Amino acid sequence: MSDQPTGLTPEIVNAIIRDPSSPLYPSQITVFCDHCGTEKTADYMVSEDMTRAQRLGVARKHLVNNEGWEHDADTGDDFCPEHASTTA
């Protein structure tokens, strides 16, 4: 359930929200760079059966796949594009 489609249009979001059988809803999630403190806040489609960590994982996956962020699974740290691969 952690696959976040890219480029959800307002029409798609409205269709998901209006579908009574859809478990998805928008949630605003912020990820911050553990090197410089840069924050990235956006809305992501999640479901109520997801844990807090899974919801954060949706945001992380989107940022890594689409916006040049890096996530270190061993430490749990996140790095903005400016500090990706420079985890000093």
C-alpha atoms as a PDB file:
ATOM      1  CA  MET A   1       0.000   0.000   0.000  1.00  0.00           C
ATOM      2  CA  SER A   2       3.023   2.283   0.125  1.00  0.00           C
ATOM      3  CA  ASP A   3       3.108   2.890  -3.634  1.00  0.00           C
ATOM      4  CA  GLN A   4       2.387   6.568  -4.164  1.00  0.00           C
ATOM      5  CA  PRO A   5       1.245   7.408  -7.668  1.00  0.00           C
ATOM      6  CA  THR A   6       2.931  10.497  -9.031  1.00  0.00           C
ATOM      7  CA  GLY A   7       1.018  13.484 -10.272  1.00  0.00           C
ATOM      8  CA  LEU A   8      -2.409  12.879  -8.787  1.00  0.00           C
ATOM      9  CA  THR A   9      -4.682  15.383 -10.450  1.00  0.00           C
ATOM     10  CA  PRO A  10      -7.452  17.109  -8.489  1.00  0.00           C
ATOM     11  CA  GLU A  11      -9.948  15.068 -10.509  1.00  0.00           C
ATOM     12  CA  ILE A  12      -8.359  11.777  -9.436  1.00  0.00           C
ATOM     13  CA  VAL A  13      -8.194  12.875  -5.792  1.00  0.00           C
ATOM     14  CA  ASN A  14     -11.870  13.920  -5.899  1.00  0.00           C
ATOM     15  CA  ALA A  15     -12.836  10.579  -7.428  1.00  0.00           C
ATOM     16  CA  ILE A  16     -10.967   8.700  -4.697  1.00  0.00           C
ATOM     17  CA  ILE A  17     -12.464  10.805  -1.907  1.00  0.00           C
ATOM     18  CA  ARG A  18     -16.015  10.500  -3.267  1.00  0.00           C
ATOM     19  CA  ASP A  19     -15.792   6.729  -3.698  1.00  0.00           C
ATOM     20  CA  PRO A  20     -17.357   5.296  -0.517  1.00  0.00           C
ATOM     21  CA  SER A  21     -15.518   1.999  -1.015  1.00  0.00           C
ATOM     22  CA  SER A  22     -12.060   3.602  -1.302  1.00  0.00           C
ATOM     23  CA  PRO A  23      -9.974   3.367   1.884  1.00  0.00           C
ATOM     24  CA  LEU A  24      -7.735   6.233   0.718  1.00  0.00           C
ATOM     25  CA  TYR A  25      -7.807   9.817   1.921  1.00  0.00           C
ATOM     26  CA  PRO A  26      -5.363  12.741   1.650  1.00  0.00           C
ATOM     27  CA  SER A  27      -2.980  13.340   4.528  1.00  0.00           C
ATOM     28  CA  GLN A  28      -0.465  16.168   4.811  1.00  0.00           C
ATOM     29  CA  ILE A  29       2.968  14.744   5.665  1.00  0.00           C
ATOM     30  CA  THR A  30       6.229  16.595   6.276  1.00  0.00           C
ATOM     31  CA  VAL A  31       9.671  15.067   5.771  1.00  0.00           C
ATOM     32  CA  PHE A  32      12.703  17.012   6.931  1.00  0.00           C
ATOM     33  CA  CYS A  33      16.366  16.780   6.010  1.00  0.00           C
ATOM     34  CA  ASP A  34      18.389  15.410   8.909  1.00  0.00           C
ATOM     35  CA  HIS A  35      21.415  17.380   7.675  1.00  0.00           C
ATOM     36  CA  CYS A  36      20.067  20.921   7.226  1.00  0.00           C
ATOM     37  CA  GLY A  37      16.461  20.849   8.458  1.00  0.00           C
ATOM     38  CA  THR A  38      14.870  21.612   5.078  1.00  0.00           C
ATOM     39  CA  GLU A  39      11.225  20.558   5.172  1.00  0.00           C
ATOM     40  CA  LYS A  40       9.059  19.201   2.363  1.00  0.00           C
ATOM     41  CA  THR A  41       5.327  19.134   3.066  1.00  0.00           C
ATOM     42  CA  ALA A  42       2.774  17.689   0.677  1.00  0.00           C
ATOM     43  CA  ASP A  43      -0.501  15.794   0.586  1.00  0.00           C
ATOM     44  CA  TYR A  44      -0.332  12.039   0.049  1.00  0.00           C
ATOM     45  CA  MET A  45      -3.088   9.474  -0.346  1.00  0.00           C
ATOM     46  CA  VAL A  46      -3.020   7.048   2.584  1.00  0.00           C
ATOM     47  CA  SER A  47      -5.461   4.687   4.270  1.00  0.00           C
ATOM     48  CA  GLU A  48      -6.546   4.429   7.874  1.00  0.00           C
ATOM     49  CA  ASP A  49      -5.194   0.884   8.156  1.00  0.00           C
ATOM     50  CA  MET A  50      -1.641   2.151   7.528  1.00  0.00           C
ATOM     51  CA  THR A  51       0.632   2.693  10.500  1.00  0.00           C
ATOM     52  CA  ARG A  52       2.301   6.036  11.116  1.00  0.00           C
ATOM     53  CA  ALA A  53       5.572   4.602   9.789  1.00  0.00           C
ATOM     54  CA  GLN A  54       3.864   3.326   6.621  1.00  0.00           C
ATOM     55  CA  ARG A  55       2.335   6.755   5.964  1.00  0.00           C
ATOM     56  CA  LEU A  56       5.730   8.410   6.361  1.00  0.00           C
ATOM     57  CA  GLY A  57       7.087   5.726   4.028  1.00  0.00           C
ATOM     58  CA  VAL A  58       4.660   6.862   1.318  1.00  0.00           C
ATOM     59  CA  ALA A  59       6.067  10.401   1.511  1.00  0.00           C
ATOM     60  CA  ARG A  60       9.663   9.189   1.655  1.00  0.00           C
ATOM     61  CA  LYS A  61       9.221   6.910  -1.345  1.00  0.00           C
ATOM     62  CA  HIS A  62       7.691   9.719  -3.387  1.00  0.00           C
ATOM     63  CA  LEU A  63      10.504  12.141  -2.490  1.00  0.00           C
ATOM     64  CA  VAL A  64      13.232   9.578  -3.243  1.00  0.00           C
ATOM     65  CA  ASN A  65      11.682   8.477  -6.548  1.00  0.00           C
ATOM     66  CA  ASN A  66      10.637  11.902  -7.815  1.00  0.00           C
ATOM     67  CA  GLU A  67      12.427  14.763  -6.075  1.00  0.00           C
ATOM     68  CA  GLY A  68      16.009  13.644  -5.496  1.00  0.00           C
ATOM     69  CA  TRP A  69      15.764  12.979  -1.767  1.00  0.00           C
ATOM     70  CA  GLU A  70      17.637  10.129  -0.103  1.00  0.00           C
ATOM     71  CA  HIS A  71      16.487   7.916   2.779  1.00  0.00           C
ATOM     72  CA  ASP A  72      18.930   5.866   4.862  1.00  0.00           C
ATOM     73  CA  ALA A  73      16.950   2.823   6.000  1.00  0.00           C
ATOM     74  CA  ASP A  74      19.658   1.850   8.518  1.00  0.00           C
ATOM     75  CA  THR A  75      19.530   5.115  10.472  1.00  0.00           C
ATOM     76  CA  GLY A  76      16.080   6.358   9.456  1.00  0.00           C
ATOM     77  CA  ASP A  77      17.577   9.659   8.292  1.00  0.00           C
ATOM     78  CA  ASP A  78      16.294  11.655   5.328  1.00  0.00           C
ATOM     79  CA  PHE A  79      18.372  13.975   3.145  1.00  0.00           C
ATOM     80  CA  CYS A  80      17.209  16.731   0.786  1.00  0.00           C
ATOM     81  CA  PRO A  81      18.567  16.798  -2.779  1.00  0.00           C
ATOM     82  CA  GLU A  82      21.350  19.173  -1.728  1.00  0.00           C
ATOM     83  CA  HIS A  83      22.587  16.748   0.931  1.00  0.00           C
ATOM     84  CA  ALA A  84      21.710  13.390  -0.641  1.00  0.00           C
ATOM     85  CA  SER A  85      24.782  11.116  -0.697  1.00  0.00           C
ATOM     86  CA  THR A  86      26.643  13.557   1.557  1.00  0.00           C
ATOM     87  CA  THR A  87      25.447  12.231   4.905  1.00  0.00           C
ATOM     88  CA  ALA A  88      28.334  13.780   6.879  1.00  0.00           C
END
